[in-house]
C-alpha cells in the first residue's frame, strides 16, 4: 500500500518514477479510498439496523408489560 502523502510529494518533486508508475499508485490509492468508504457505509448501515432492532424490541416489550399489568 502506498502512502498518499509520499505519492503526491513524488509527483510535485519530479521524482524518478515514470508517469505510469505514478498513475498506478494514484489508482491504487483511489481504489483503497472507495473500498474504505464502502466498508464504512456498510458498518454504518449495520449499526442502524441494530438500533432499529433494539428500539423495536424495547417498544414491543414495554407494550407487552403494560398489557400484562392491565390484565392483572
N, C-alpha and C. Protein backbone atom coordinates (compact mmCIF):
# COMPACT_ATOMS: atom_id res chain seq x y z
N UNK A 1 0.85 -1.17 0.00
CA UNK A 1 0.00 0.00 0.00
C UNK A 1 0.90 1.23 0.00
N UNK A 2 0.46 2.22 -0.73
CA UNK A 2 1.24 3.45 -0.86
C UNK A 2 0.66 4.51 0.05
N UNK A 3 1.55 5.30 0.62
CA UNK A 3 1.08 6.42 1.43
C UNK A 3 0.73 7.57 0.50
N UNK A 4 -0.42 8.16 0.75
CA UNK A 4 -0.90 9.24 -0.10
C UNK A 4 0.08 10.39 -0.14
N UNK A 5 0.56 10.79 1.02
CA UNK A 5 1.45 11.95 1.07
C UNK A 5 2.74 11.71 0.29
N UNK A 6 3.29 10.50 0.39
CA UNK A 6 4.53 10.20 -0.34
C UNK A 6 4.31 10.23 -1.85
N UNK A 7 3.20 9.71 -2.29
CA UNK A 7 2.91 9.68 -3.73
C UNK A 7 2.81 11.10 -4.27
N UNK A 8 2.05 11.95 -3.59
CA UNK A 8 1.89 13.31 -4.08
C UNK A 8 3.18 14.12 -3.95
N UNK A 9 3.98 13.86 -2.93
CA UNK A 9 5.27 14.53 -2.82
C UNK A 9 6.15 14.18 -4.01
N UNK A 10 6.14 12.89 -4.37
CA UNK A 10 6.96 12.45 -5.51
C UNK A 10 6.50 13.12 -6.80
N UNK A 11 5.21 13.30 -6.96
CA UNK A 11 4.71 13.95 -8.18
C UNK A 11 5.19 15.39 -8.24
N UNK A 12 5.06 16.10 -7.14
CA UNK A 12 5.41 17.53 -7.15
C UNK A 12 6.91 17.76 -7.15
N UNK A 13 7.68 16.82 -6.63
CA UNK A 13 9.13 16.97 -6.61
C UNK A 13 9.79 16.46 -7.87
N UNK A 14 9.00 15.92 -8.81
CA UNK A 14 9.58 15.41 -10.05
C UNK A 14 10.43 14.19 -9.80
N UNK A 15 9.88 13.21 -9.14
CA UNK A 15 10.64 12.01 -8.79
C UNK A 15 11.09 11.26 -10.04
N UNK A 16 11.89 10.25 -9.82
CA UNK A 16 12.43 9.46 -10.92
C UNK A 16 11.41 8.46 -11.47
N UNK A 17 10.26 8.36 -10.83
CA UNK A 17 9.27 7.39 -11.25
C UNK A 17 8.64 7.80 -12.58
N UNK A 18 8.27 6.80 -13.34
CA UNK A 18 7.63 7.09 -14.62
C UNK A 18 6.18 7.52 -14.38
N UNK A 19 5.60 8.23 -15.32
CA UNK A 19 4.20 8.64 -15.17
C UNK A 19 3.25 7.46 -14.98
N UNK A 20 3.57 6.32 -15.61
CA UNK A 20 2.72 5.13 -15.45
C UNK A 20 2.76 4.59 -14.02
N UNK A 21 3.95 4.60 -13.40
CA UNK A 21 4.07 4.15 -12.02
C UNK A 21 3.29 5.06 -11.09
N UNK A 22 3.40 6.35 -11.32
CA UNK A 22 2.66 7.32 -10.51
C UNK A 22 1.17 7.12 -10.69
N UNK A 23 0.74 6.94 -11.94
CA UNK A 23 -0.68 6.72 -12.22
C UNK A 23 -1.18 5.46 -11.52
N UNK A 24 -0.38 4.39 -11.54
CA UNK A 24 -0.76 3.15 -10.87
C UNK A 24 -0.91 3.35 -9.36
N UNK A 25 0.01 4.11 -8.78
CA UNK A 25 -0.07 4.37 -7.34
C UNK A 25 -1.32 5.19 -7.00
N UNK A 26 -1.62 6.18 -7.82
CA UNK A 26 -2.80 7.01 -7.58
C UNK A 26 -4.06 6.18 -7.74
N UNK A 27 -4.09 5.33 -8.77
CA UNK A 27 -5.25 4.44 -8.96
C UNK A 27 -5.43 3.51 -7.76
N UNK A 28 -4.33 3.00 -7.25
CA UNK A 28 -4.40 2.13 -6.08
C UNK A 28 -4.95 2.88 -4.87
N UNK A 29 -4.48 4.10 -4.69
CA UNK A 29 -4.98 4.92 -3.57
C UNK A 29 -6.47 5.20 -3.72
N UNK A 30 -6.92 5.48 -4.92
CA UNK A 30 -8.33 5.75 -5.14
C UNK A 30 -9.18 4.51 -4.90
N UNK A 31 -8.71 3.35 -5.34
CA UNK A 31 -9.44 2.10 -5.08
C UNK A 31 -9.52 1.84 -3.59
N UNK A 32 -8.43 2.09 -2.87
CA UNK A 32 -8.43 1.91 -1.42
C UNK A 32 -9.43 2.83 -0.76
N UNK A 33 -9.49 4.06 -1.24
CA UNK A 33 -10.42 5.03 -0.67
C UNK A 33 -11.86 4.59 -0.90
N UNK A 34 -12.17 4.10 -2.09
CA UNK A 34 -13.51 3.62 -2.40
C UNK A 34 -13.84 2.41 -1.54
N UNK A 35 -12.89 1.49 -1.39
CA UNK A 35 -13.10 0.31 -0.57
C UNK A 35 -13.42 0.71 0.87
N UNK A 36 -12.62 1.61 1.42
CA UNK A 36 -12.84 2.05 2.80
C UNK A 36 -14.19 2.74 2.95
N UNK A 37 -14.53 3.59 1.99
CA UNK A 37 -15.82 4.29 2.04
C UNK A 37 -16.97 3.28 2.03
N UNK A 38 -16.90 2.28 1.16
CA UNK A 38 -17.95 1.26 1.09
C UNK A 38 -18.02 0.45 2.38
N UNK A 39 -16.87 0.13 2.94
CA UNK A 39 -16.85 -0.65 4.18
C UNK A 39 -17.44 0.17 5.33
N UNK A 40 -17.07 1.43 5.44
CA UNK A 40 -17.61 2.29 6.49
C UNK A 40 -19.11 2.44 6.34
N UNK A 41 -19.58 2.60 5.10
CA UNK A 41 -21.02 2.72 4.85
C UNK A 41 -21.74 1.45 5.28
N UNK A 42 -21.17 0.29 4.99
CA UNK A 42 -21.79 -0.97 5.39
C UNK A 42 -21.87 -1.07 6.90
N UNK A 43 -20.80 -0.71 7.58
CA UNK A 43 -20.80 -0.76 9.04
C UNK A 43 -21.84 0.20 9.60
N UNK A 44 -21.94 1.41 9.04
CA UNK A 44 -22.95 2.37 9.49
C UNK A 44 -24.35 1.82 9.29
N UNK A 45 -24.59 1.16 8.16
CA UNK A 45 -25.91 0.57 7.89
C UNK A 45 -26.20 -0.56 8.87
N UNK A 46 -25.20 -1.38 9.17
CA UNK A 46 -25.38 -2.47 10.14
C UNK A 46 -25.72 -1.92 11.52
N UNK A 47 -25.05 -0.85 11.92
CA UNK A 47 -25.32 -0.22 13.21
C UNK A 47 -26.75 0.32 13.23
N UNK A 48 -27.18 0.94 12.15
CA UNK A 48 -28.54 1.47 12.08
C UNK A 48 -29.57 0.34 12.20
N UNK A 49 -29.30 -0.80 11.57
CA UNK A 49 -30.21 -1.94 11.67
C UNK A 49 -30.28 -2.47 13.10
N UNK A 50 -29.14 -2.54 13.77
CA UNK A 50 -29.12 -3.00 15.16
C UNK A 50 -29.91 -2.04 16.05
N UNK A 51 -29.75 -0.74 15.82
CA UNK A 51 -30.50 0.26 16.59
C UNK A 51 -32.00 0.06 16.39
N UNK A 52 -32.41 -0.14 15.13
CA UNK A 52 -33.83 -0.36 14.84
C UNK A 52 -34.35 -1.59 15.56
N UNK A 53 -33.56 -2.67 15.54
CA UNK A 53 -33.96 -3.91 16.19
C UNK A 53 -34.12 -3.70 17.69
N UNK A 54 -33.14 -3.03 18.29
CA UNK A 54 -33.20 -2.78 19.74
C UNK A 54 -34.41 -1.91 20.08
N UNK A 55 -34.61 -0.83 19.33
CA UNK A 55 -35.75 0.04 19.60
C UNK A 55 -37.07 -0.69 19.40
N UNK A 56 -37.14 -1.53 18.38
CA UNK A 56 -38.36 -2.30 18.13
C UNK A 56 -38.64 -3.23 19.31
N UNK A 57 -37.60 -3.91 19.77
CA UNK A 57 -37.80 -4.84 20.89
C UNK A 57 -38.16 -4.08 22.17
N UNK A 58 -37.55 -2.92 22.38
CA UNK A 58 -37.88 -2.14 23.57
C UNK A 58 -39.34 -1.70 23.55
N UNK A 59 -39.79 -1.22 22.41
CA UNK A 59 -41.17 -0.74 22.33
C UNK A 59 -42.14 -1.91 22.41
N UNK A 60 -41.79 -3.04 21.84
CA UNK A 60 -42.67 -4.22 21.91
C UNK A 60 -42.75 -4.76 23.34
N UNK A 61 -41.63 -4.82 24.03
CA UNK A 61 -41.64 -5.36 25.39
C UNK A 61 -42.36 -4.43 26.35
N UNK A 62 -42.22 -3.11 26.16
CA UNK A 62 -42.93 -2.17 27.02
C UNK A 62 -44.43 -2.31 26.85
N UNK A 63 -44.89 -2.41 25.62
CA UNK A 63 -46.32 -2.54 25.40
C UNK A 63 -46.83 -3.87 25.95
N UNK A 64 -46.02 -4.91 25.87
CA UNK A 64 -46.40 -6.21 26.41
C UNK A 64 -46.52 -6.12 27.93
N UNK A 65 -45.55 -5.45 28.57
CA UNK A 65 -45.60 -5.28 30.03
C UNK A 65 -46.82 -4.49 30.45
N UNK A 66 -47.16 -3.47 29.70
CA UNK A 66 -48.33 -2.65 30.02
C UNK A 66 -49.60 -3.47 29.87
N UNK A 67 -49.69 -4.24 28.81
CA UNK A 67 -50.86 -5.09 28.59
C UNK A 67 -51.01 -6.10 29.72
N UNK A 68 -49.90 -6.72 30.14
CA UNK A 68 -49.97 -7.70 31.20
C UNK A 68 -50.39 -7.05 32.52
N UNK A 69 -49.91 -5.83 32.80
CA UNK A 69 -50.28 -5.13 34.02
C UNK A 69 -51.75 -4.78 34.01
N UNK A 70 -52.26 -4.38 32.85
CA UNK A 70 -53.67 -4.04 32.73
C UNK A 70 -54.54 -5.26 32.92
N UNK A 71 -54.08 -6.42 32.44
CA UNK A 71 -54.87 -7.65 32.59
C UNK A 71 -54.93 -8.10 34.04
N UNK A 72 -53.87 -7.86 34.80
CA UNK A 72 -53.83 -8.28 36.21
C UNK A 72 -54.60 -7.28 37.01
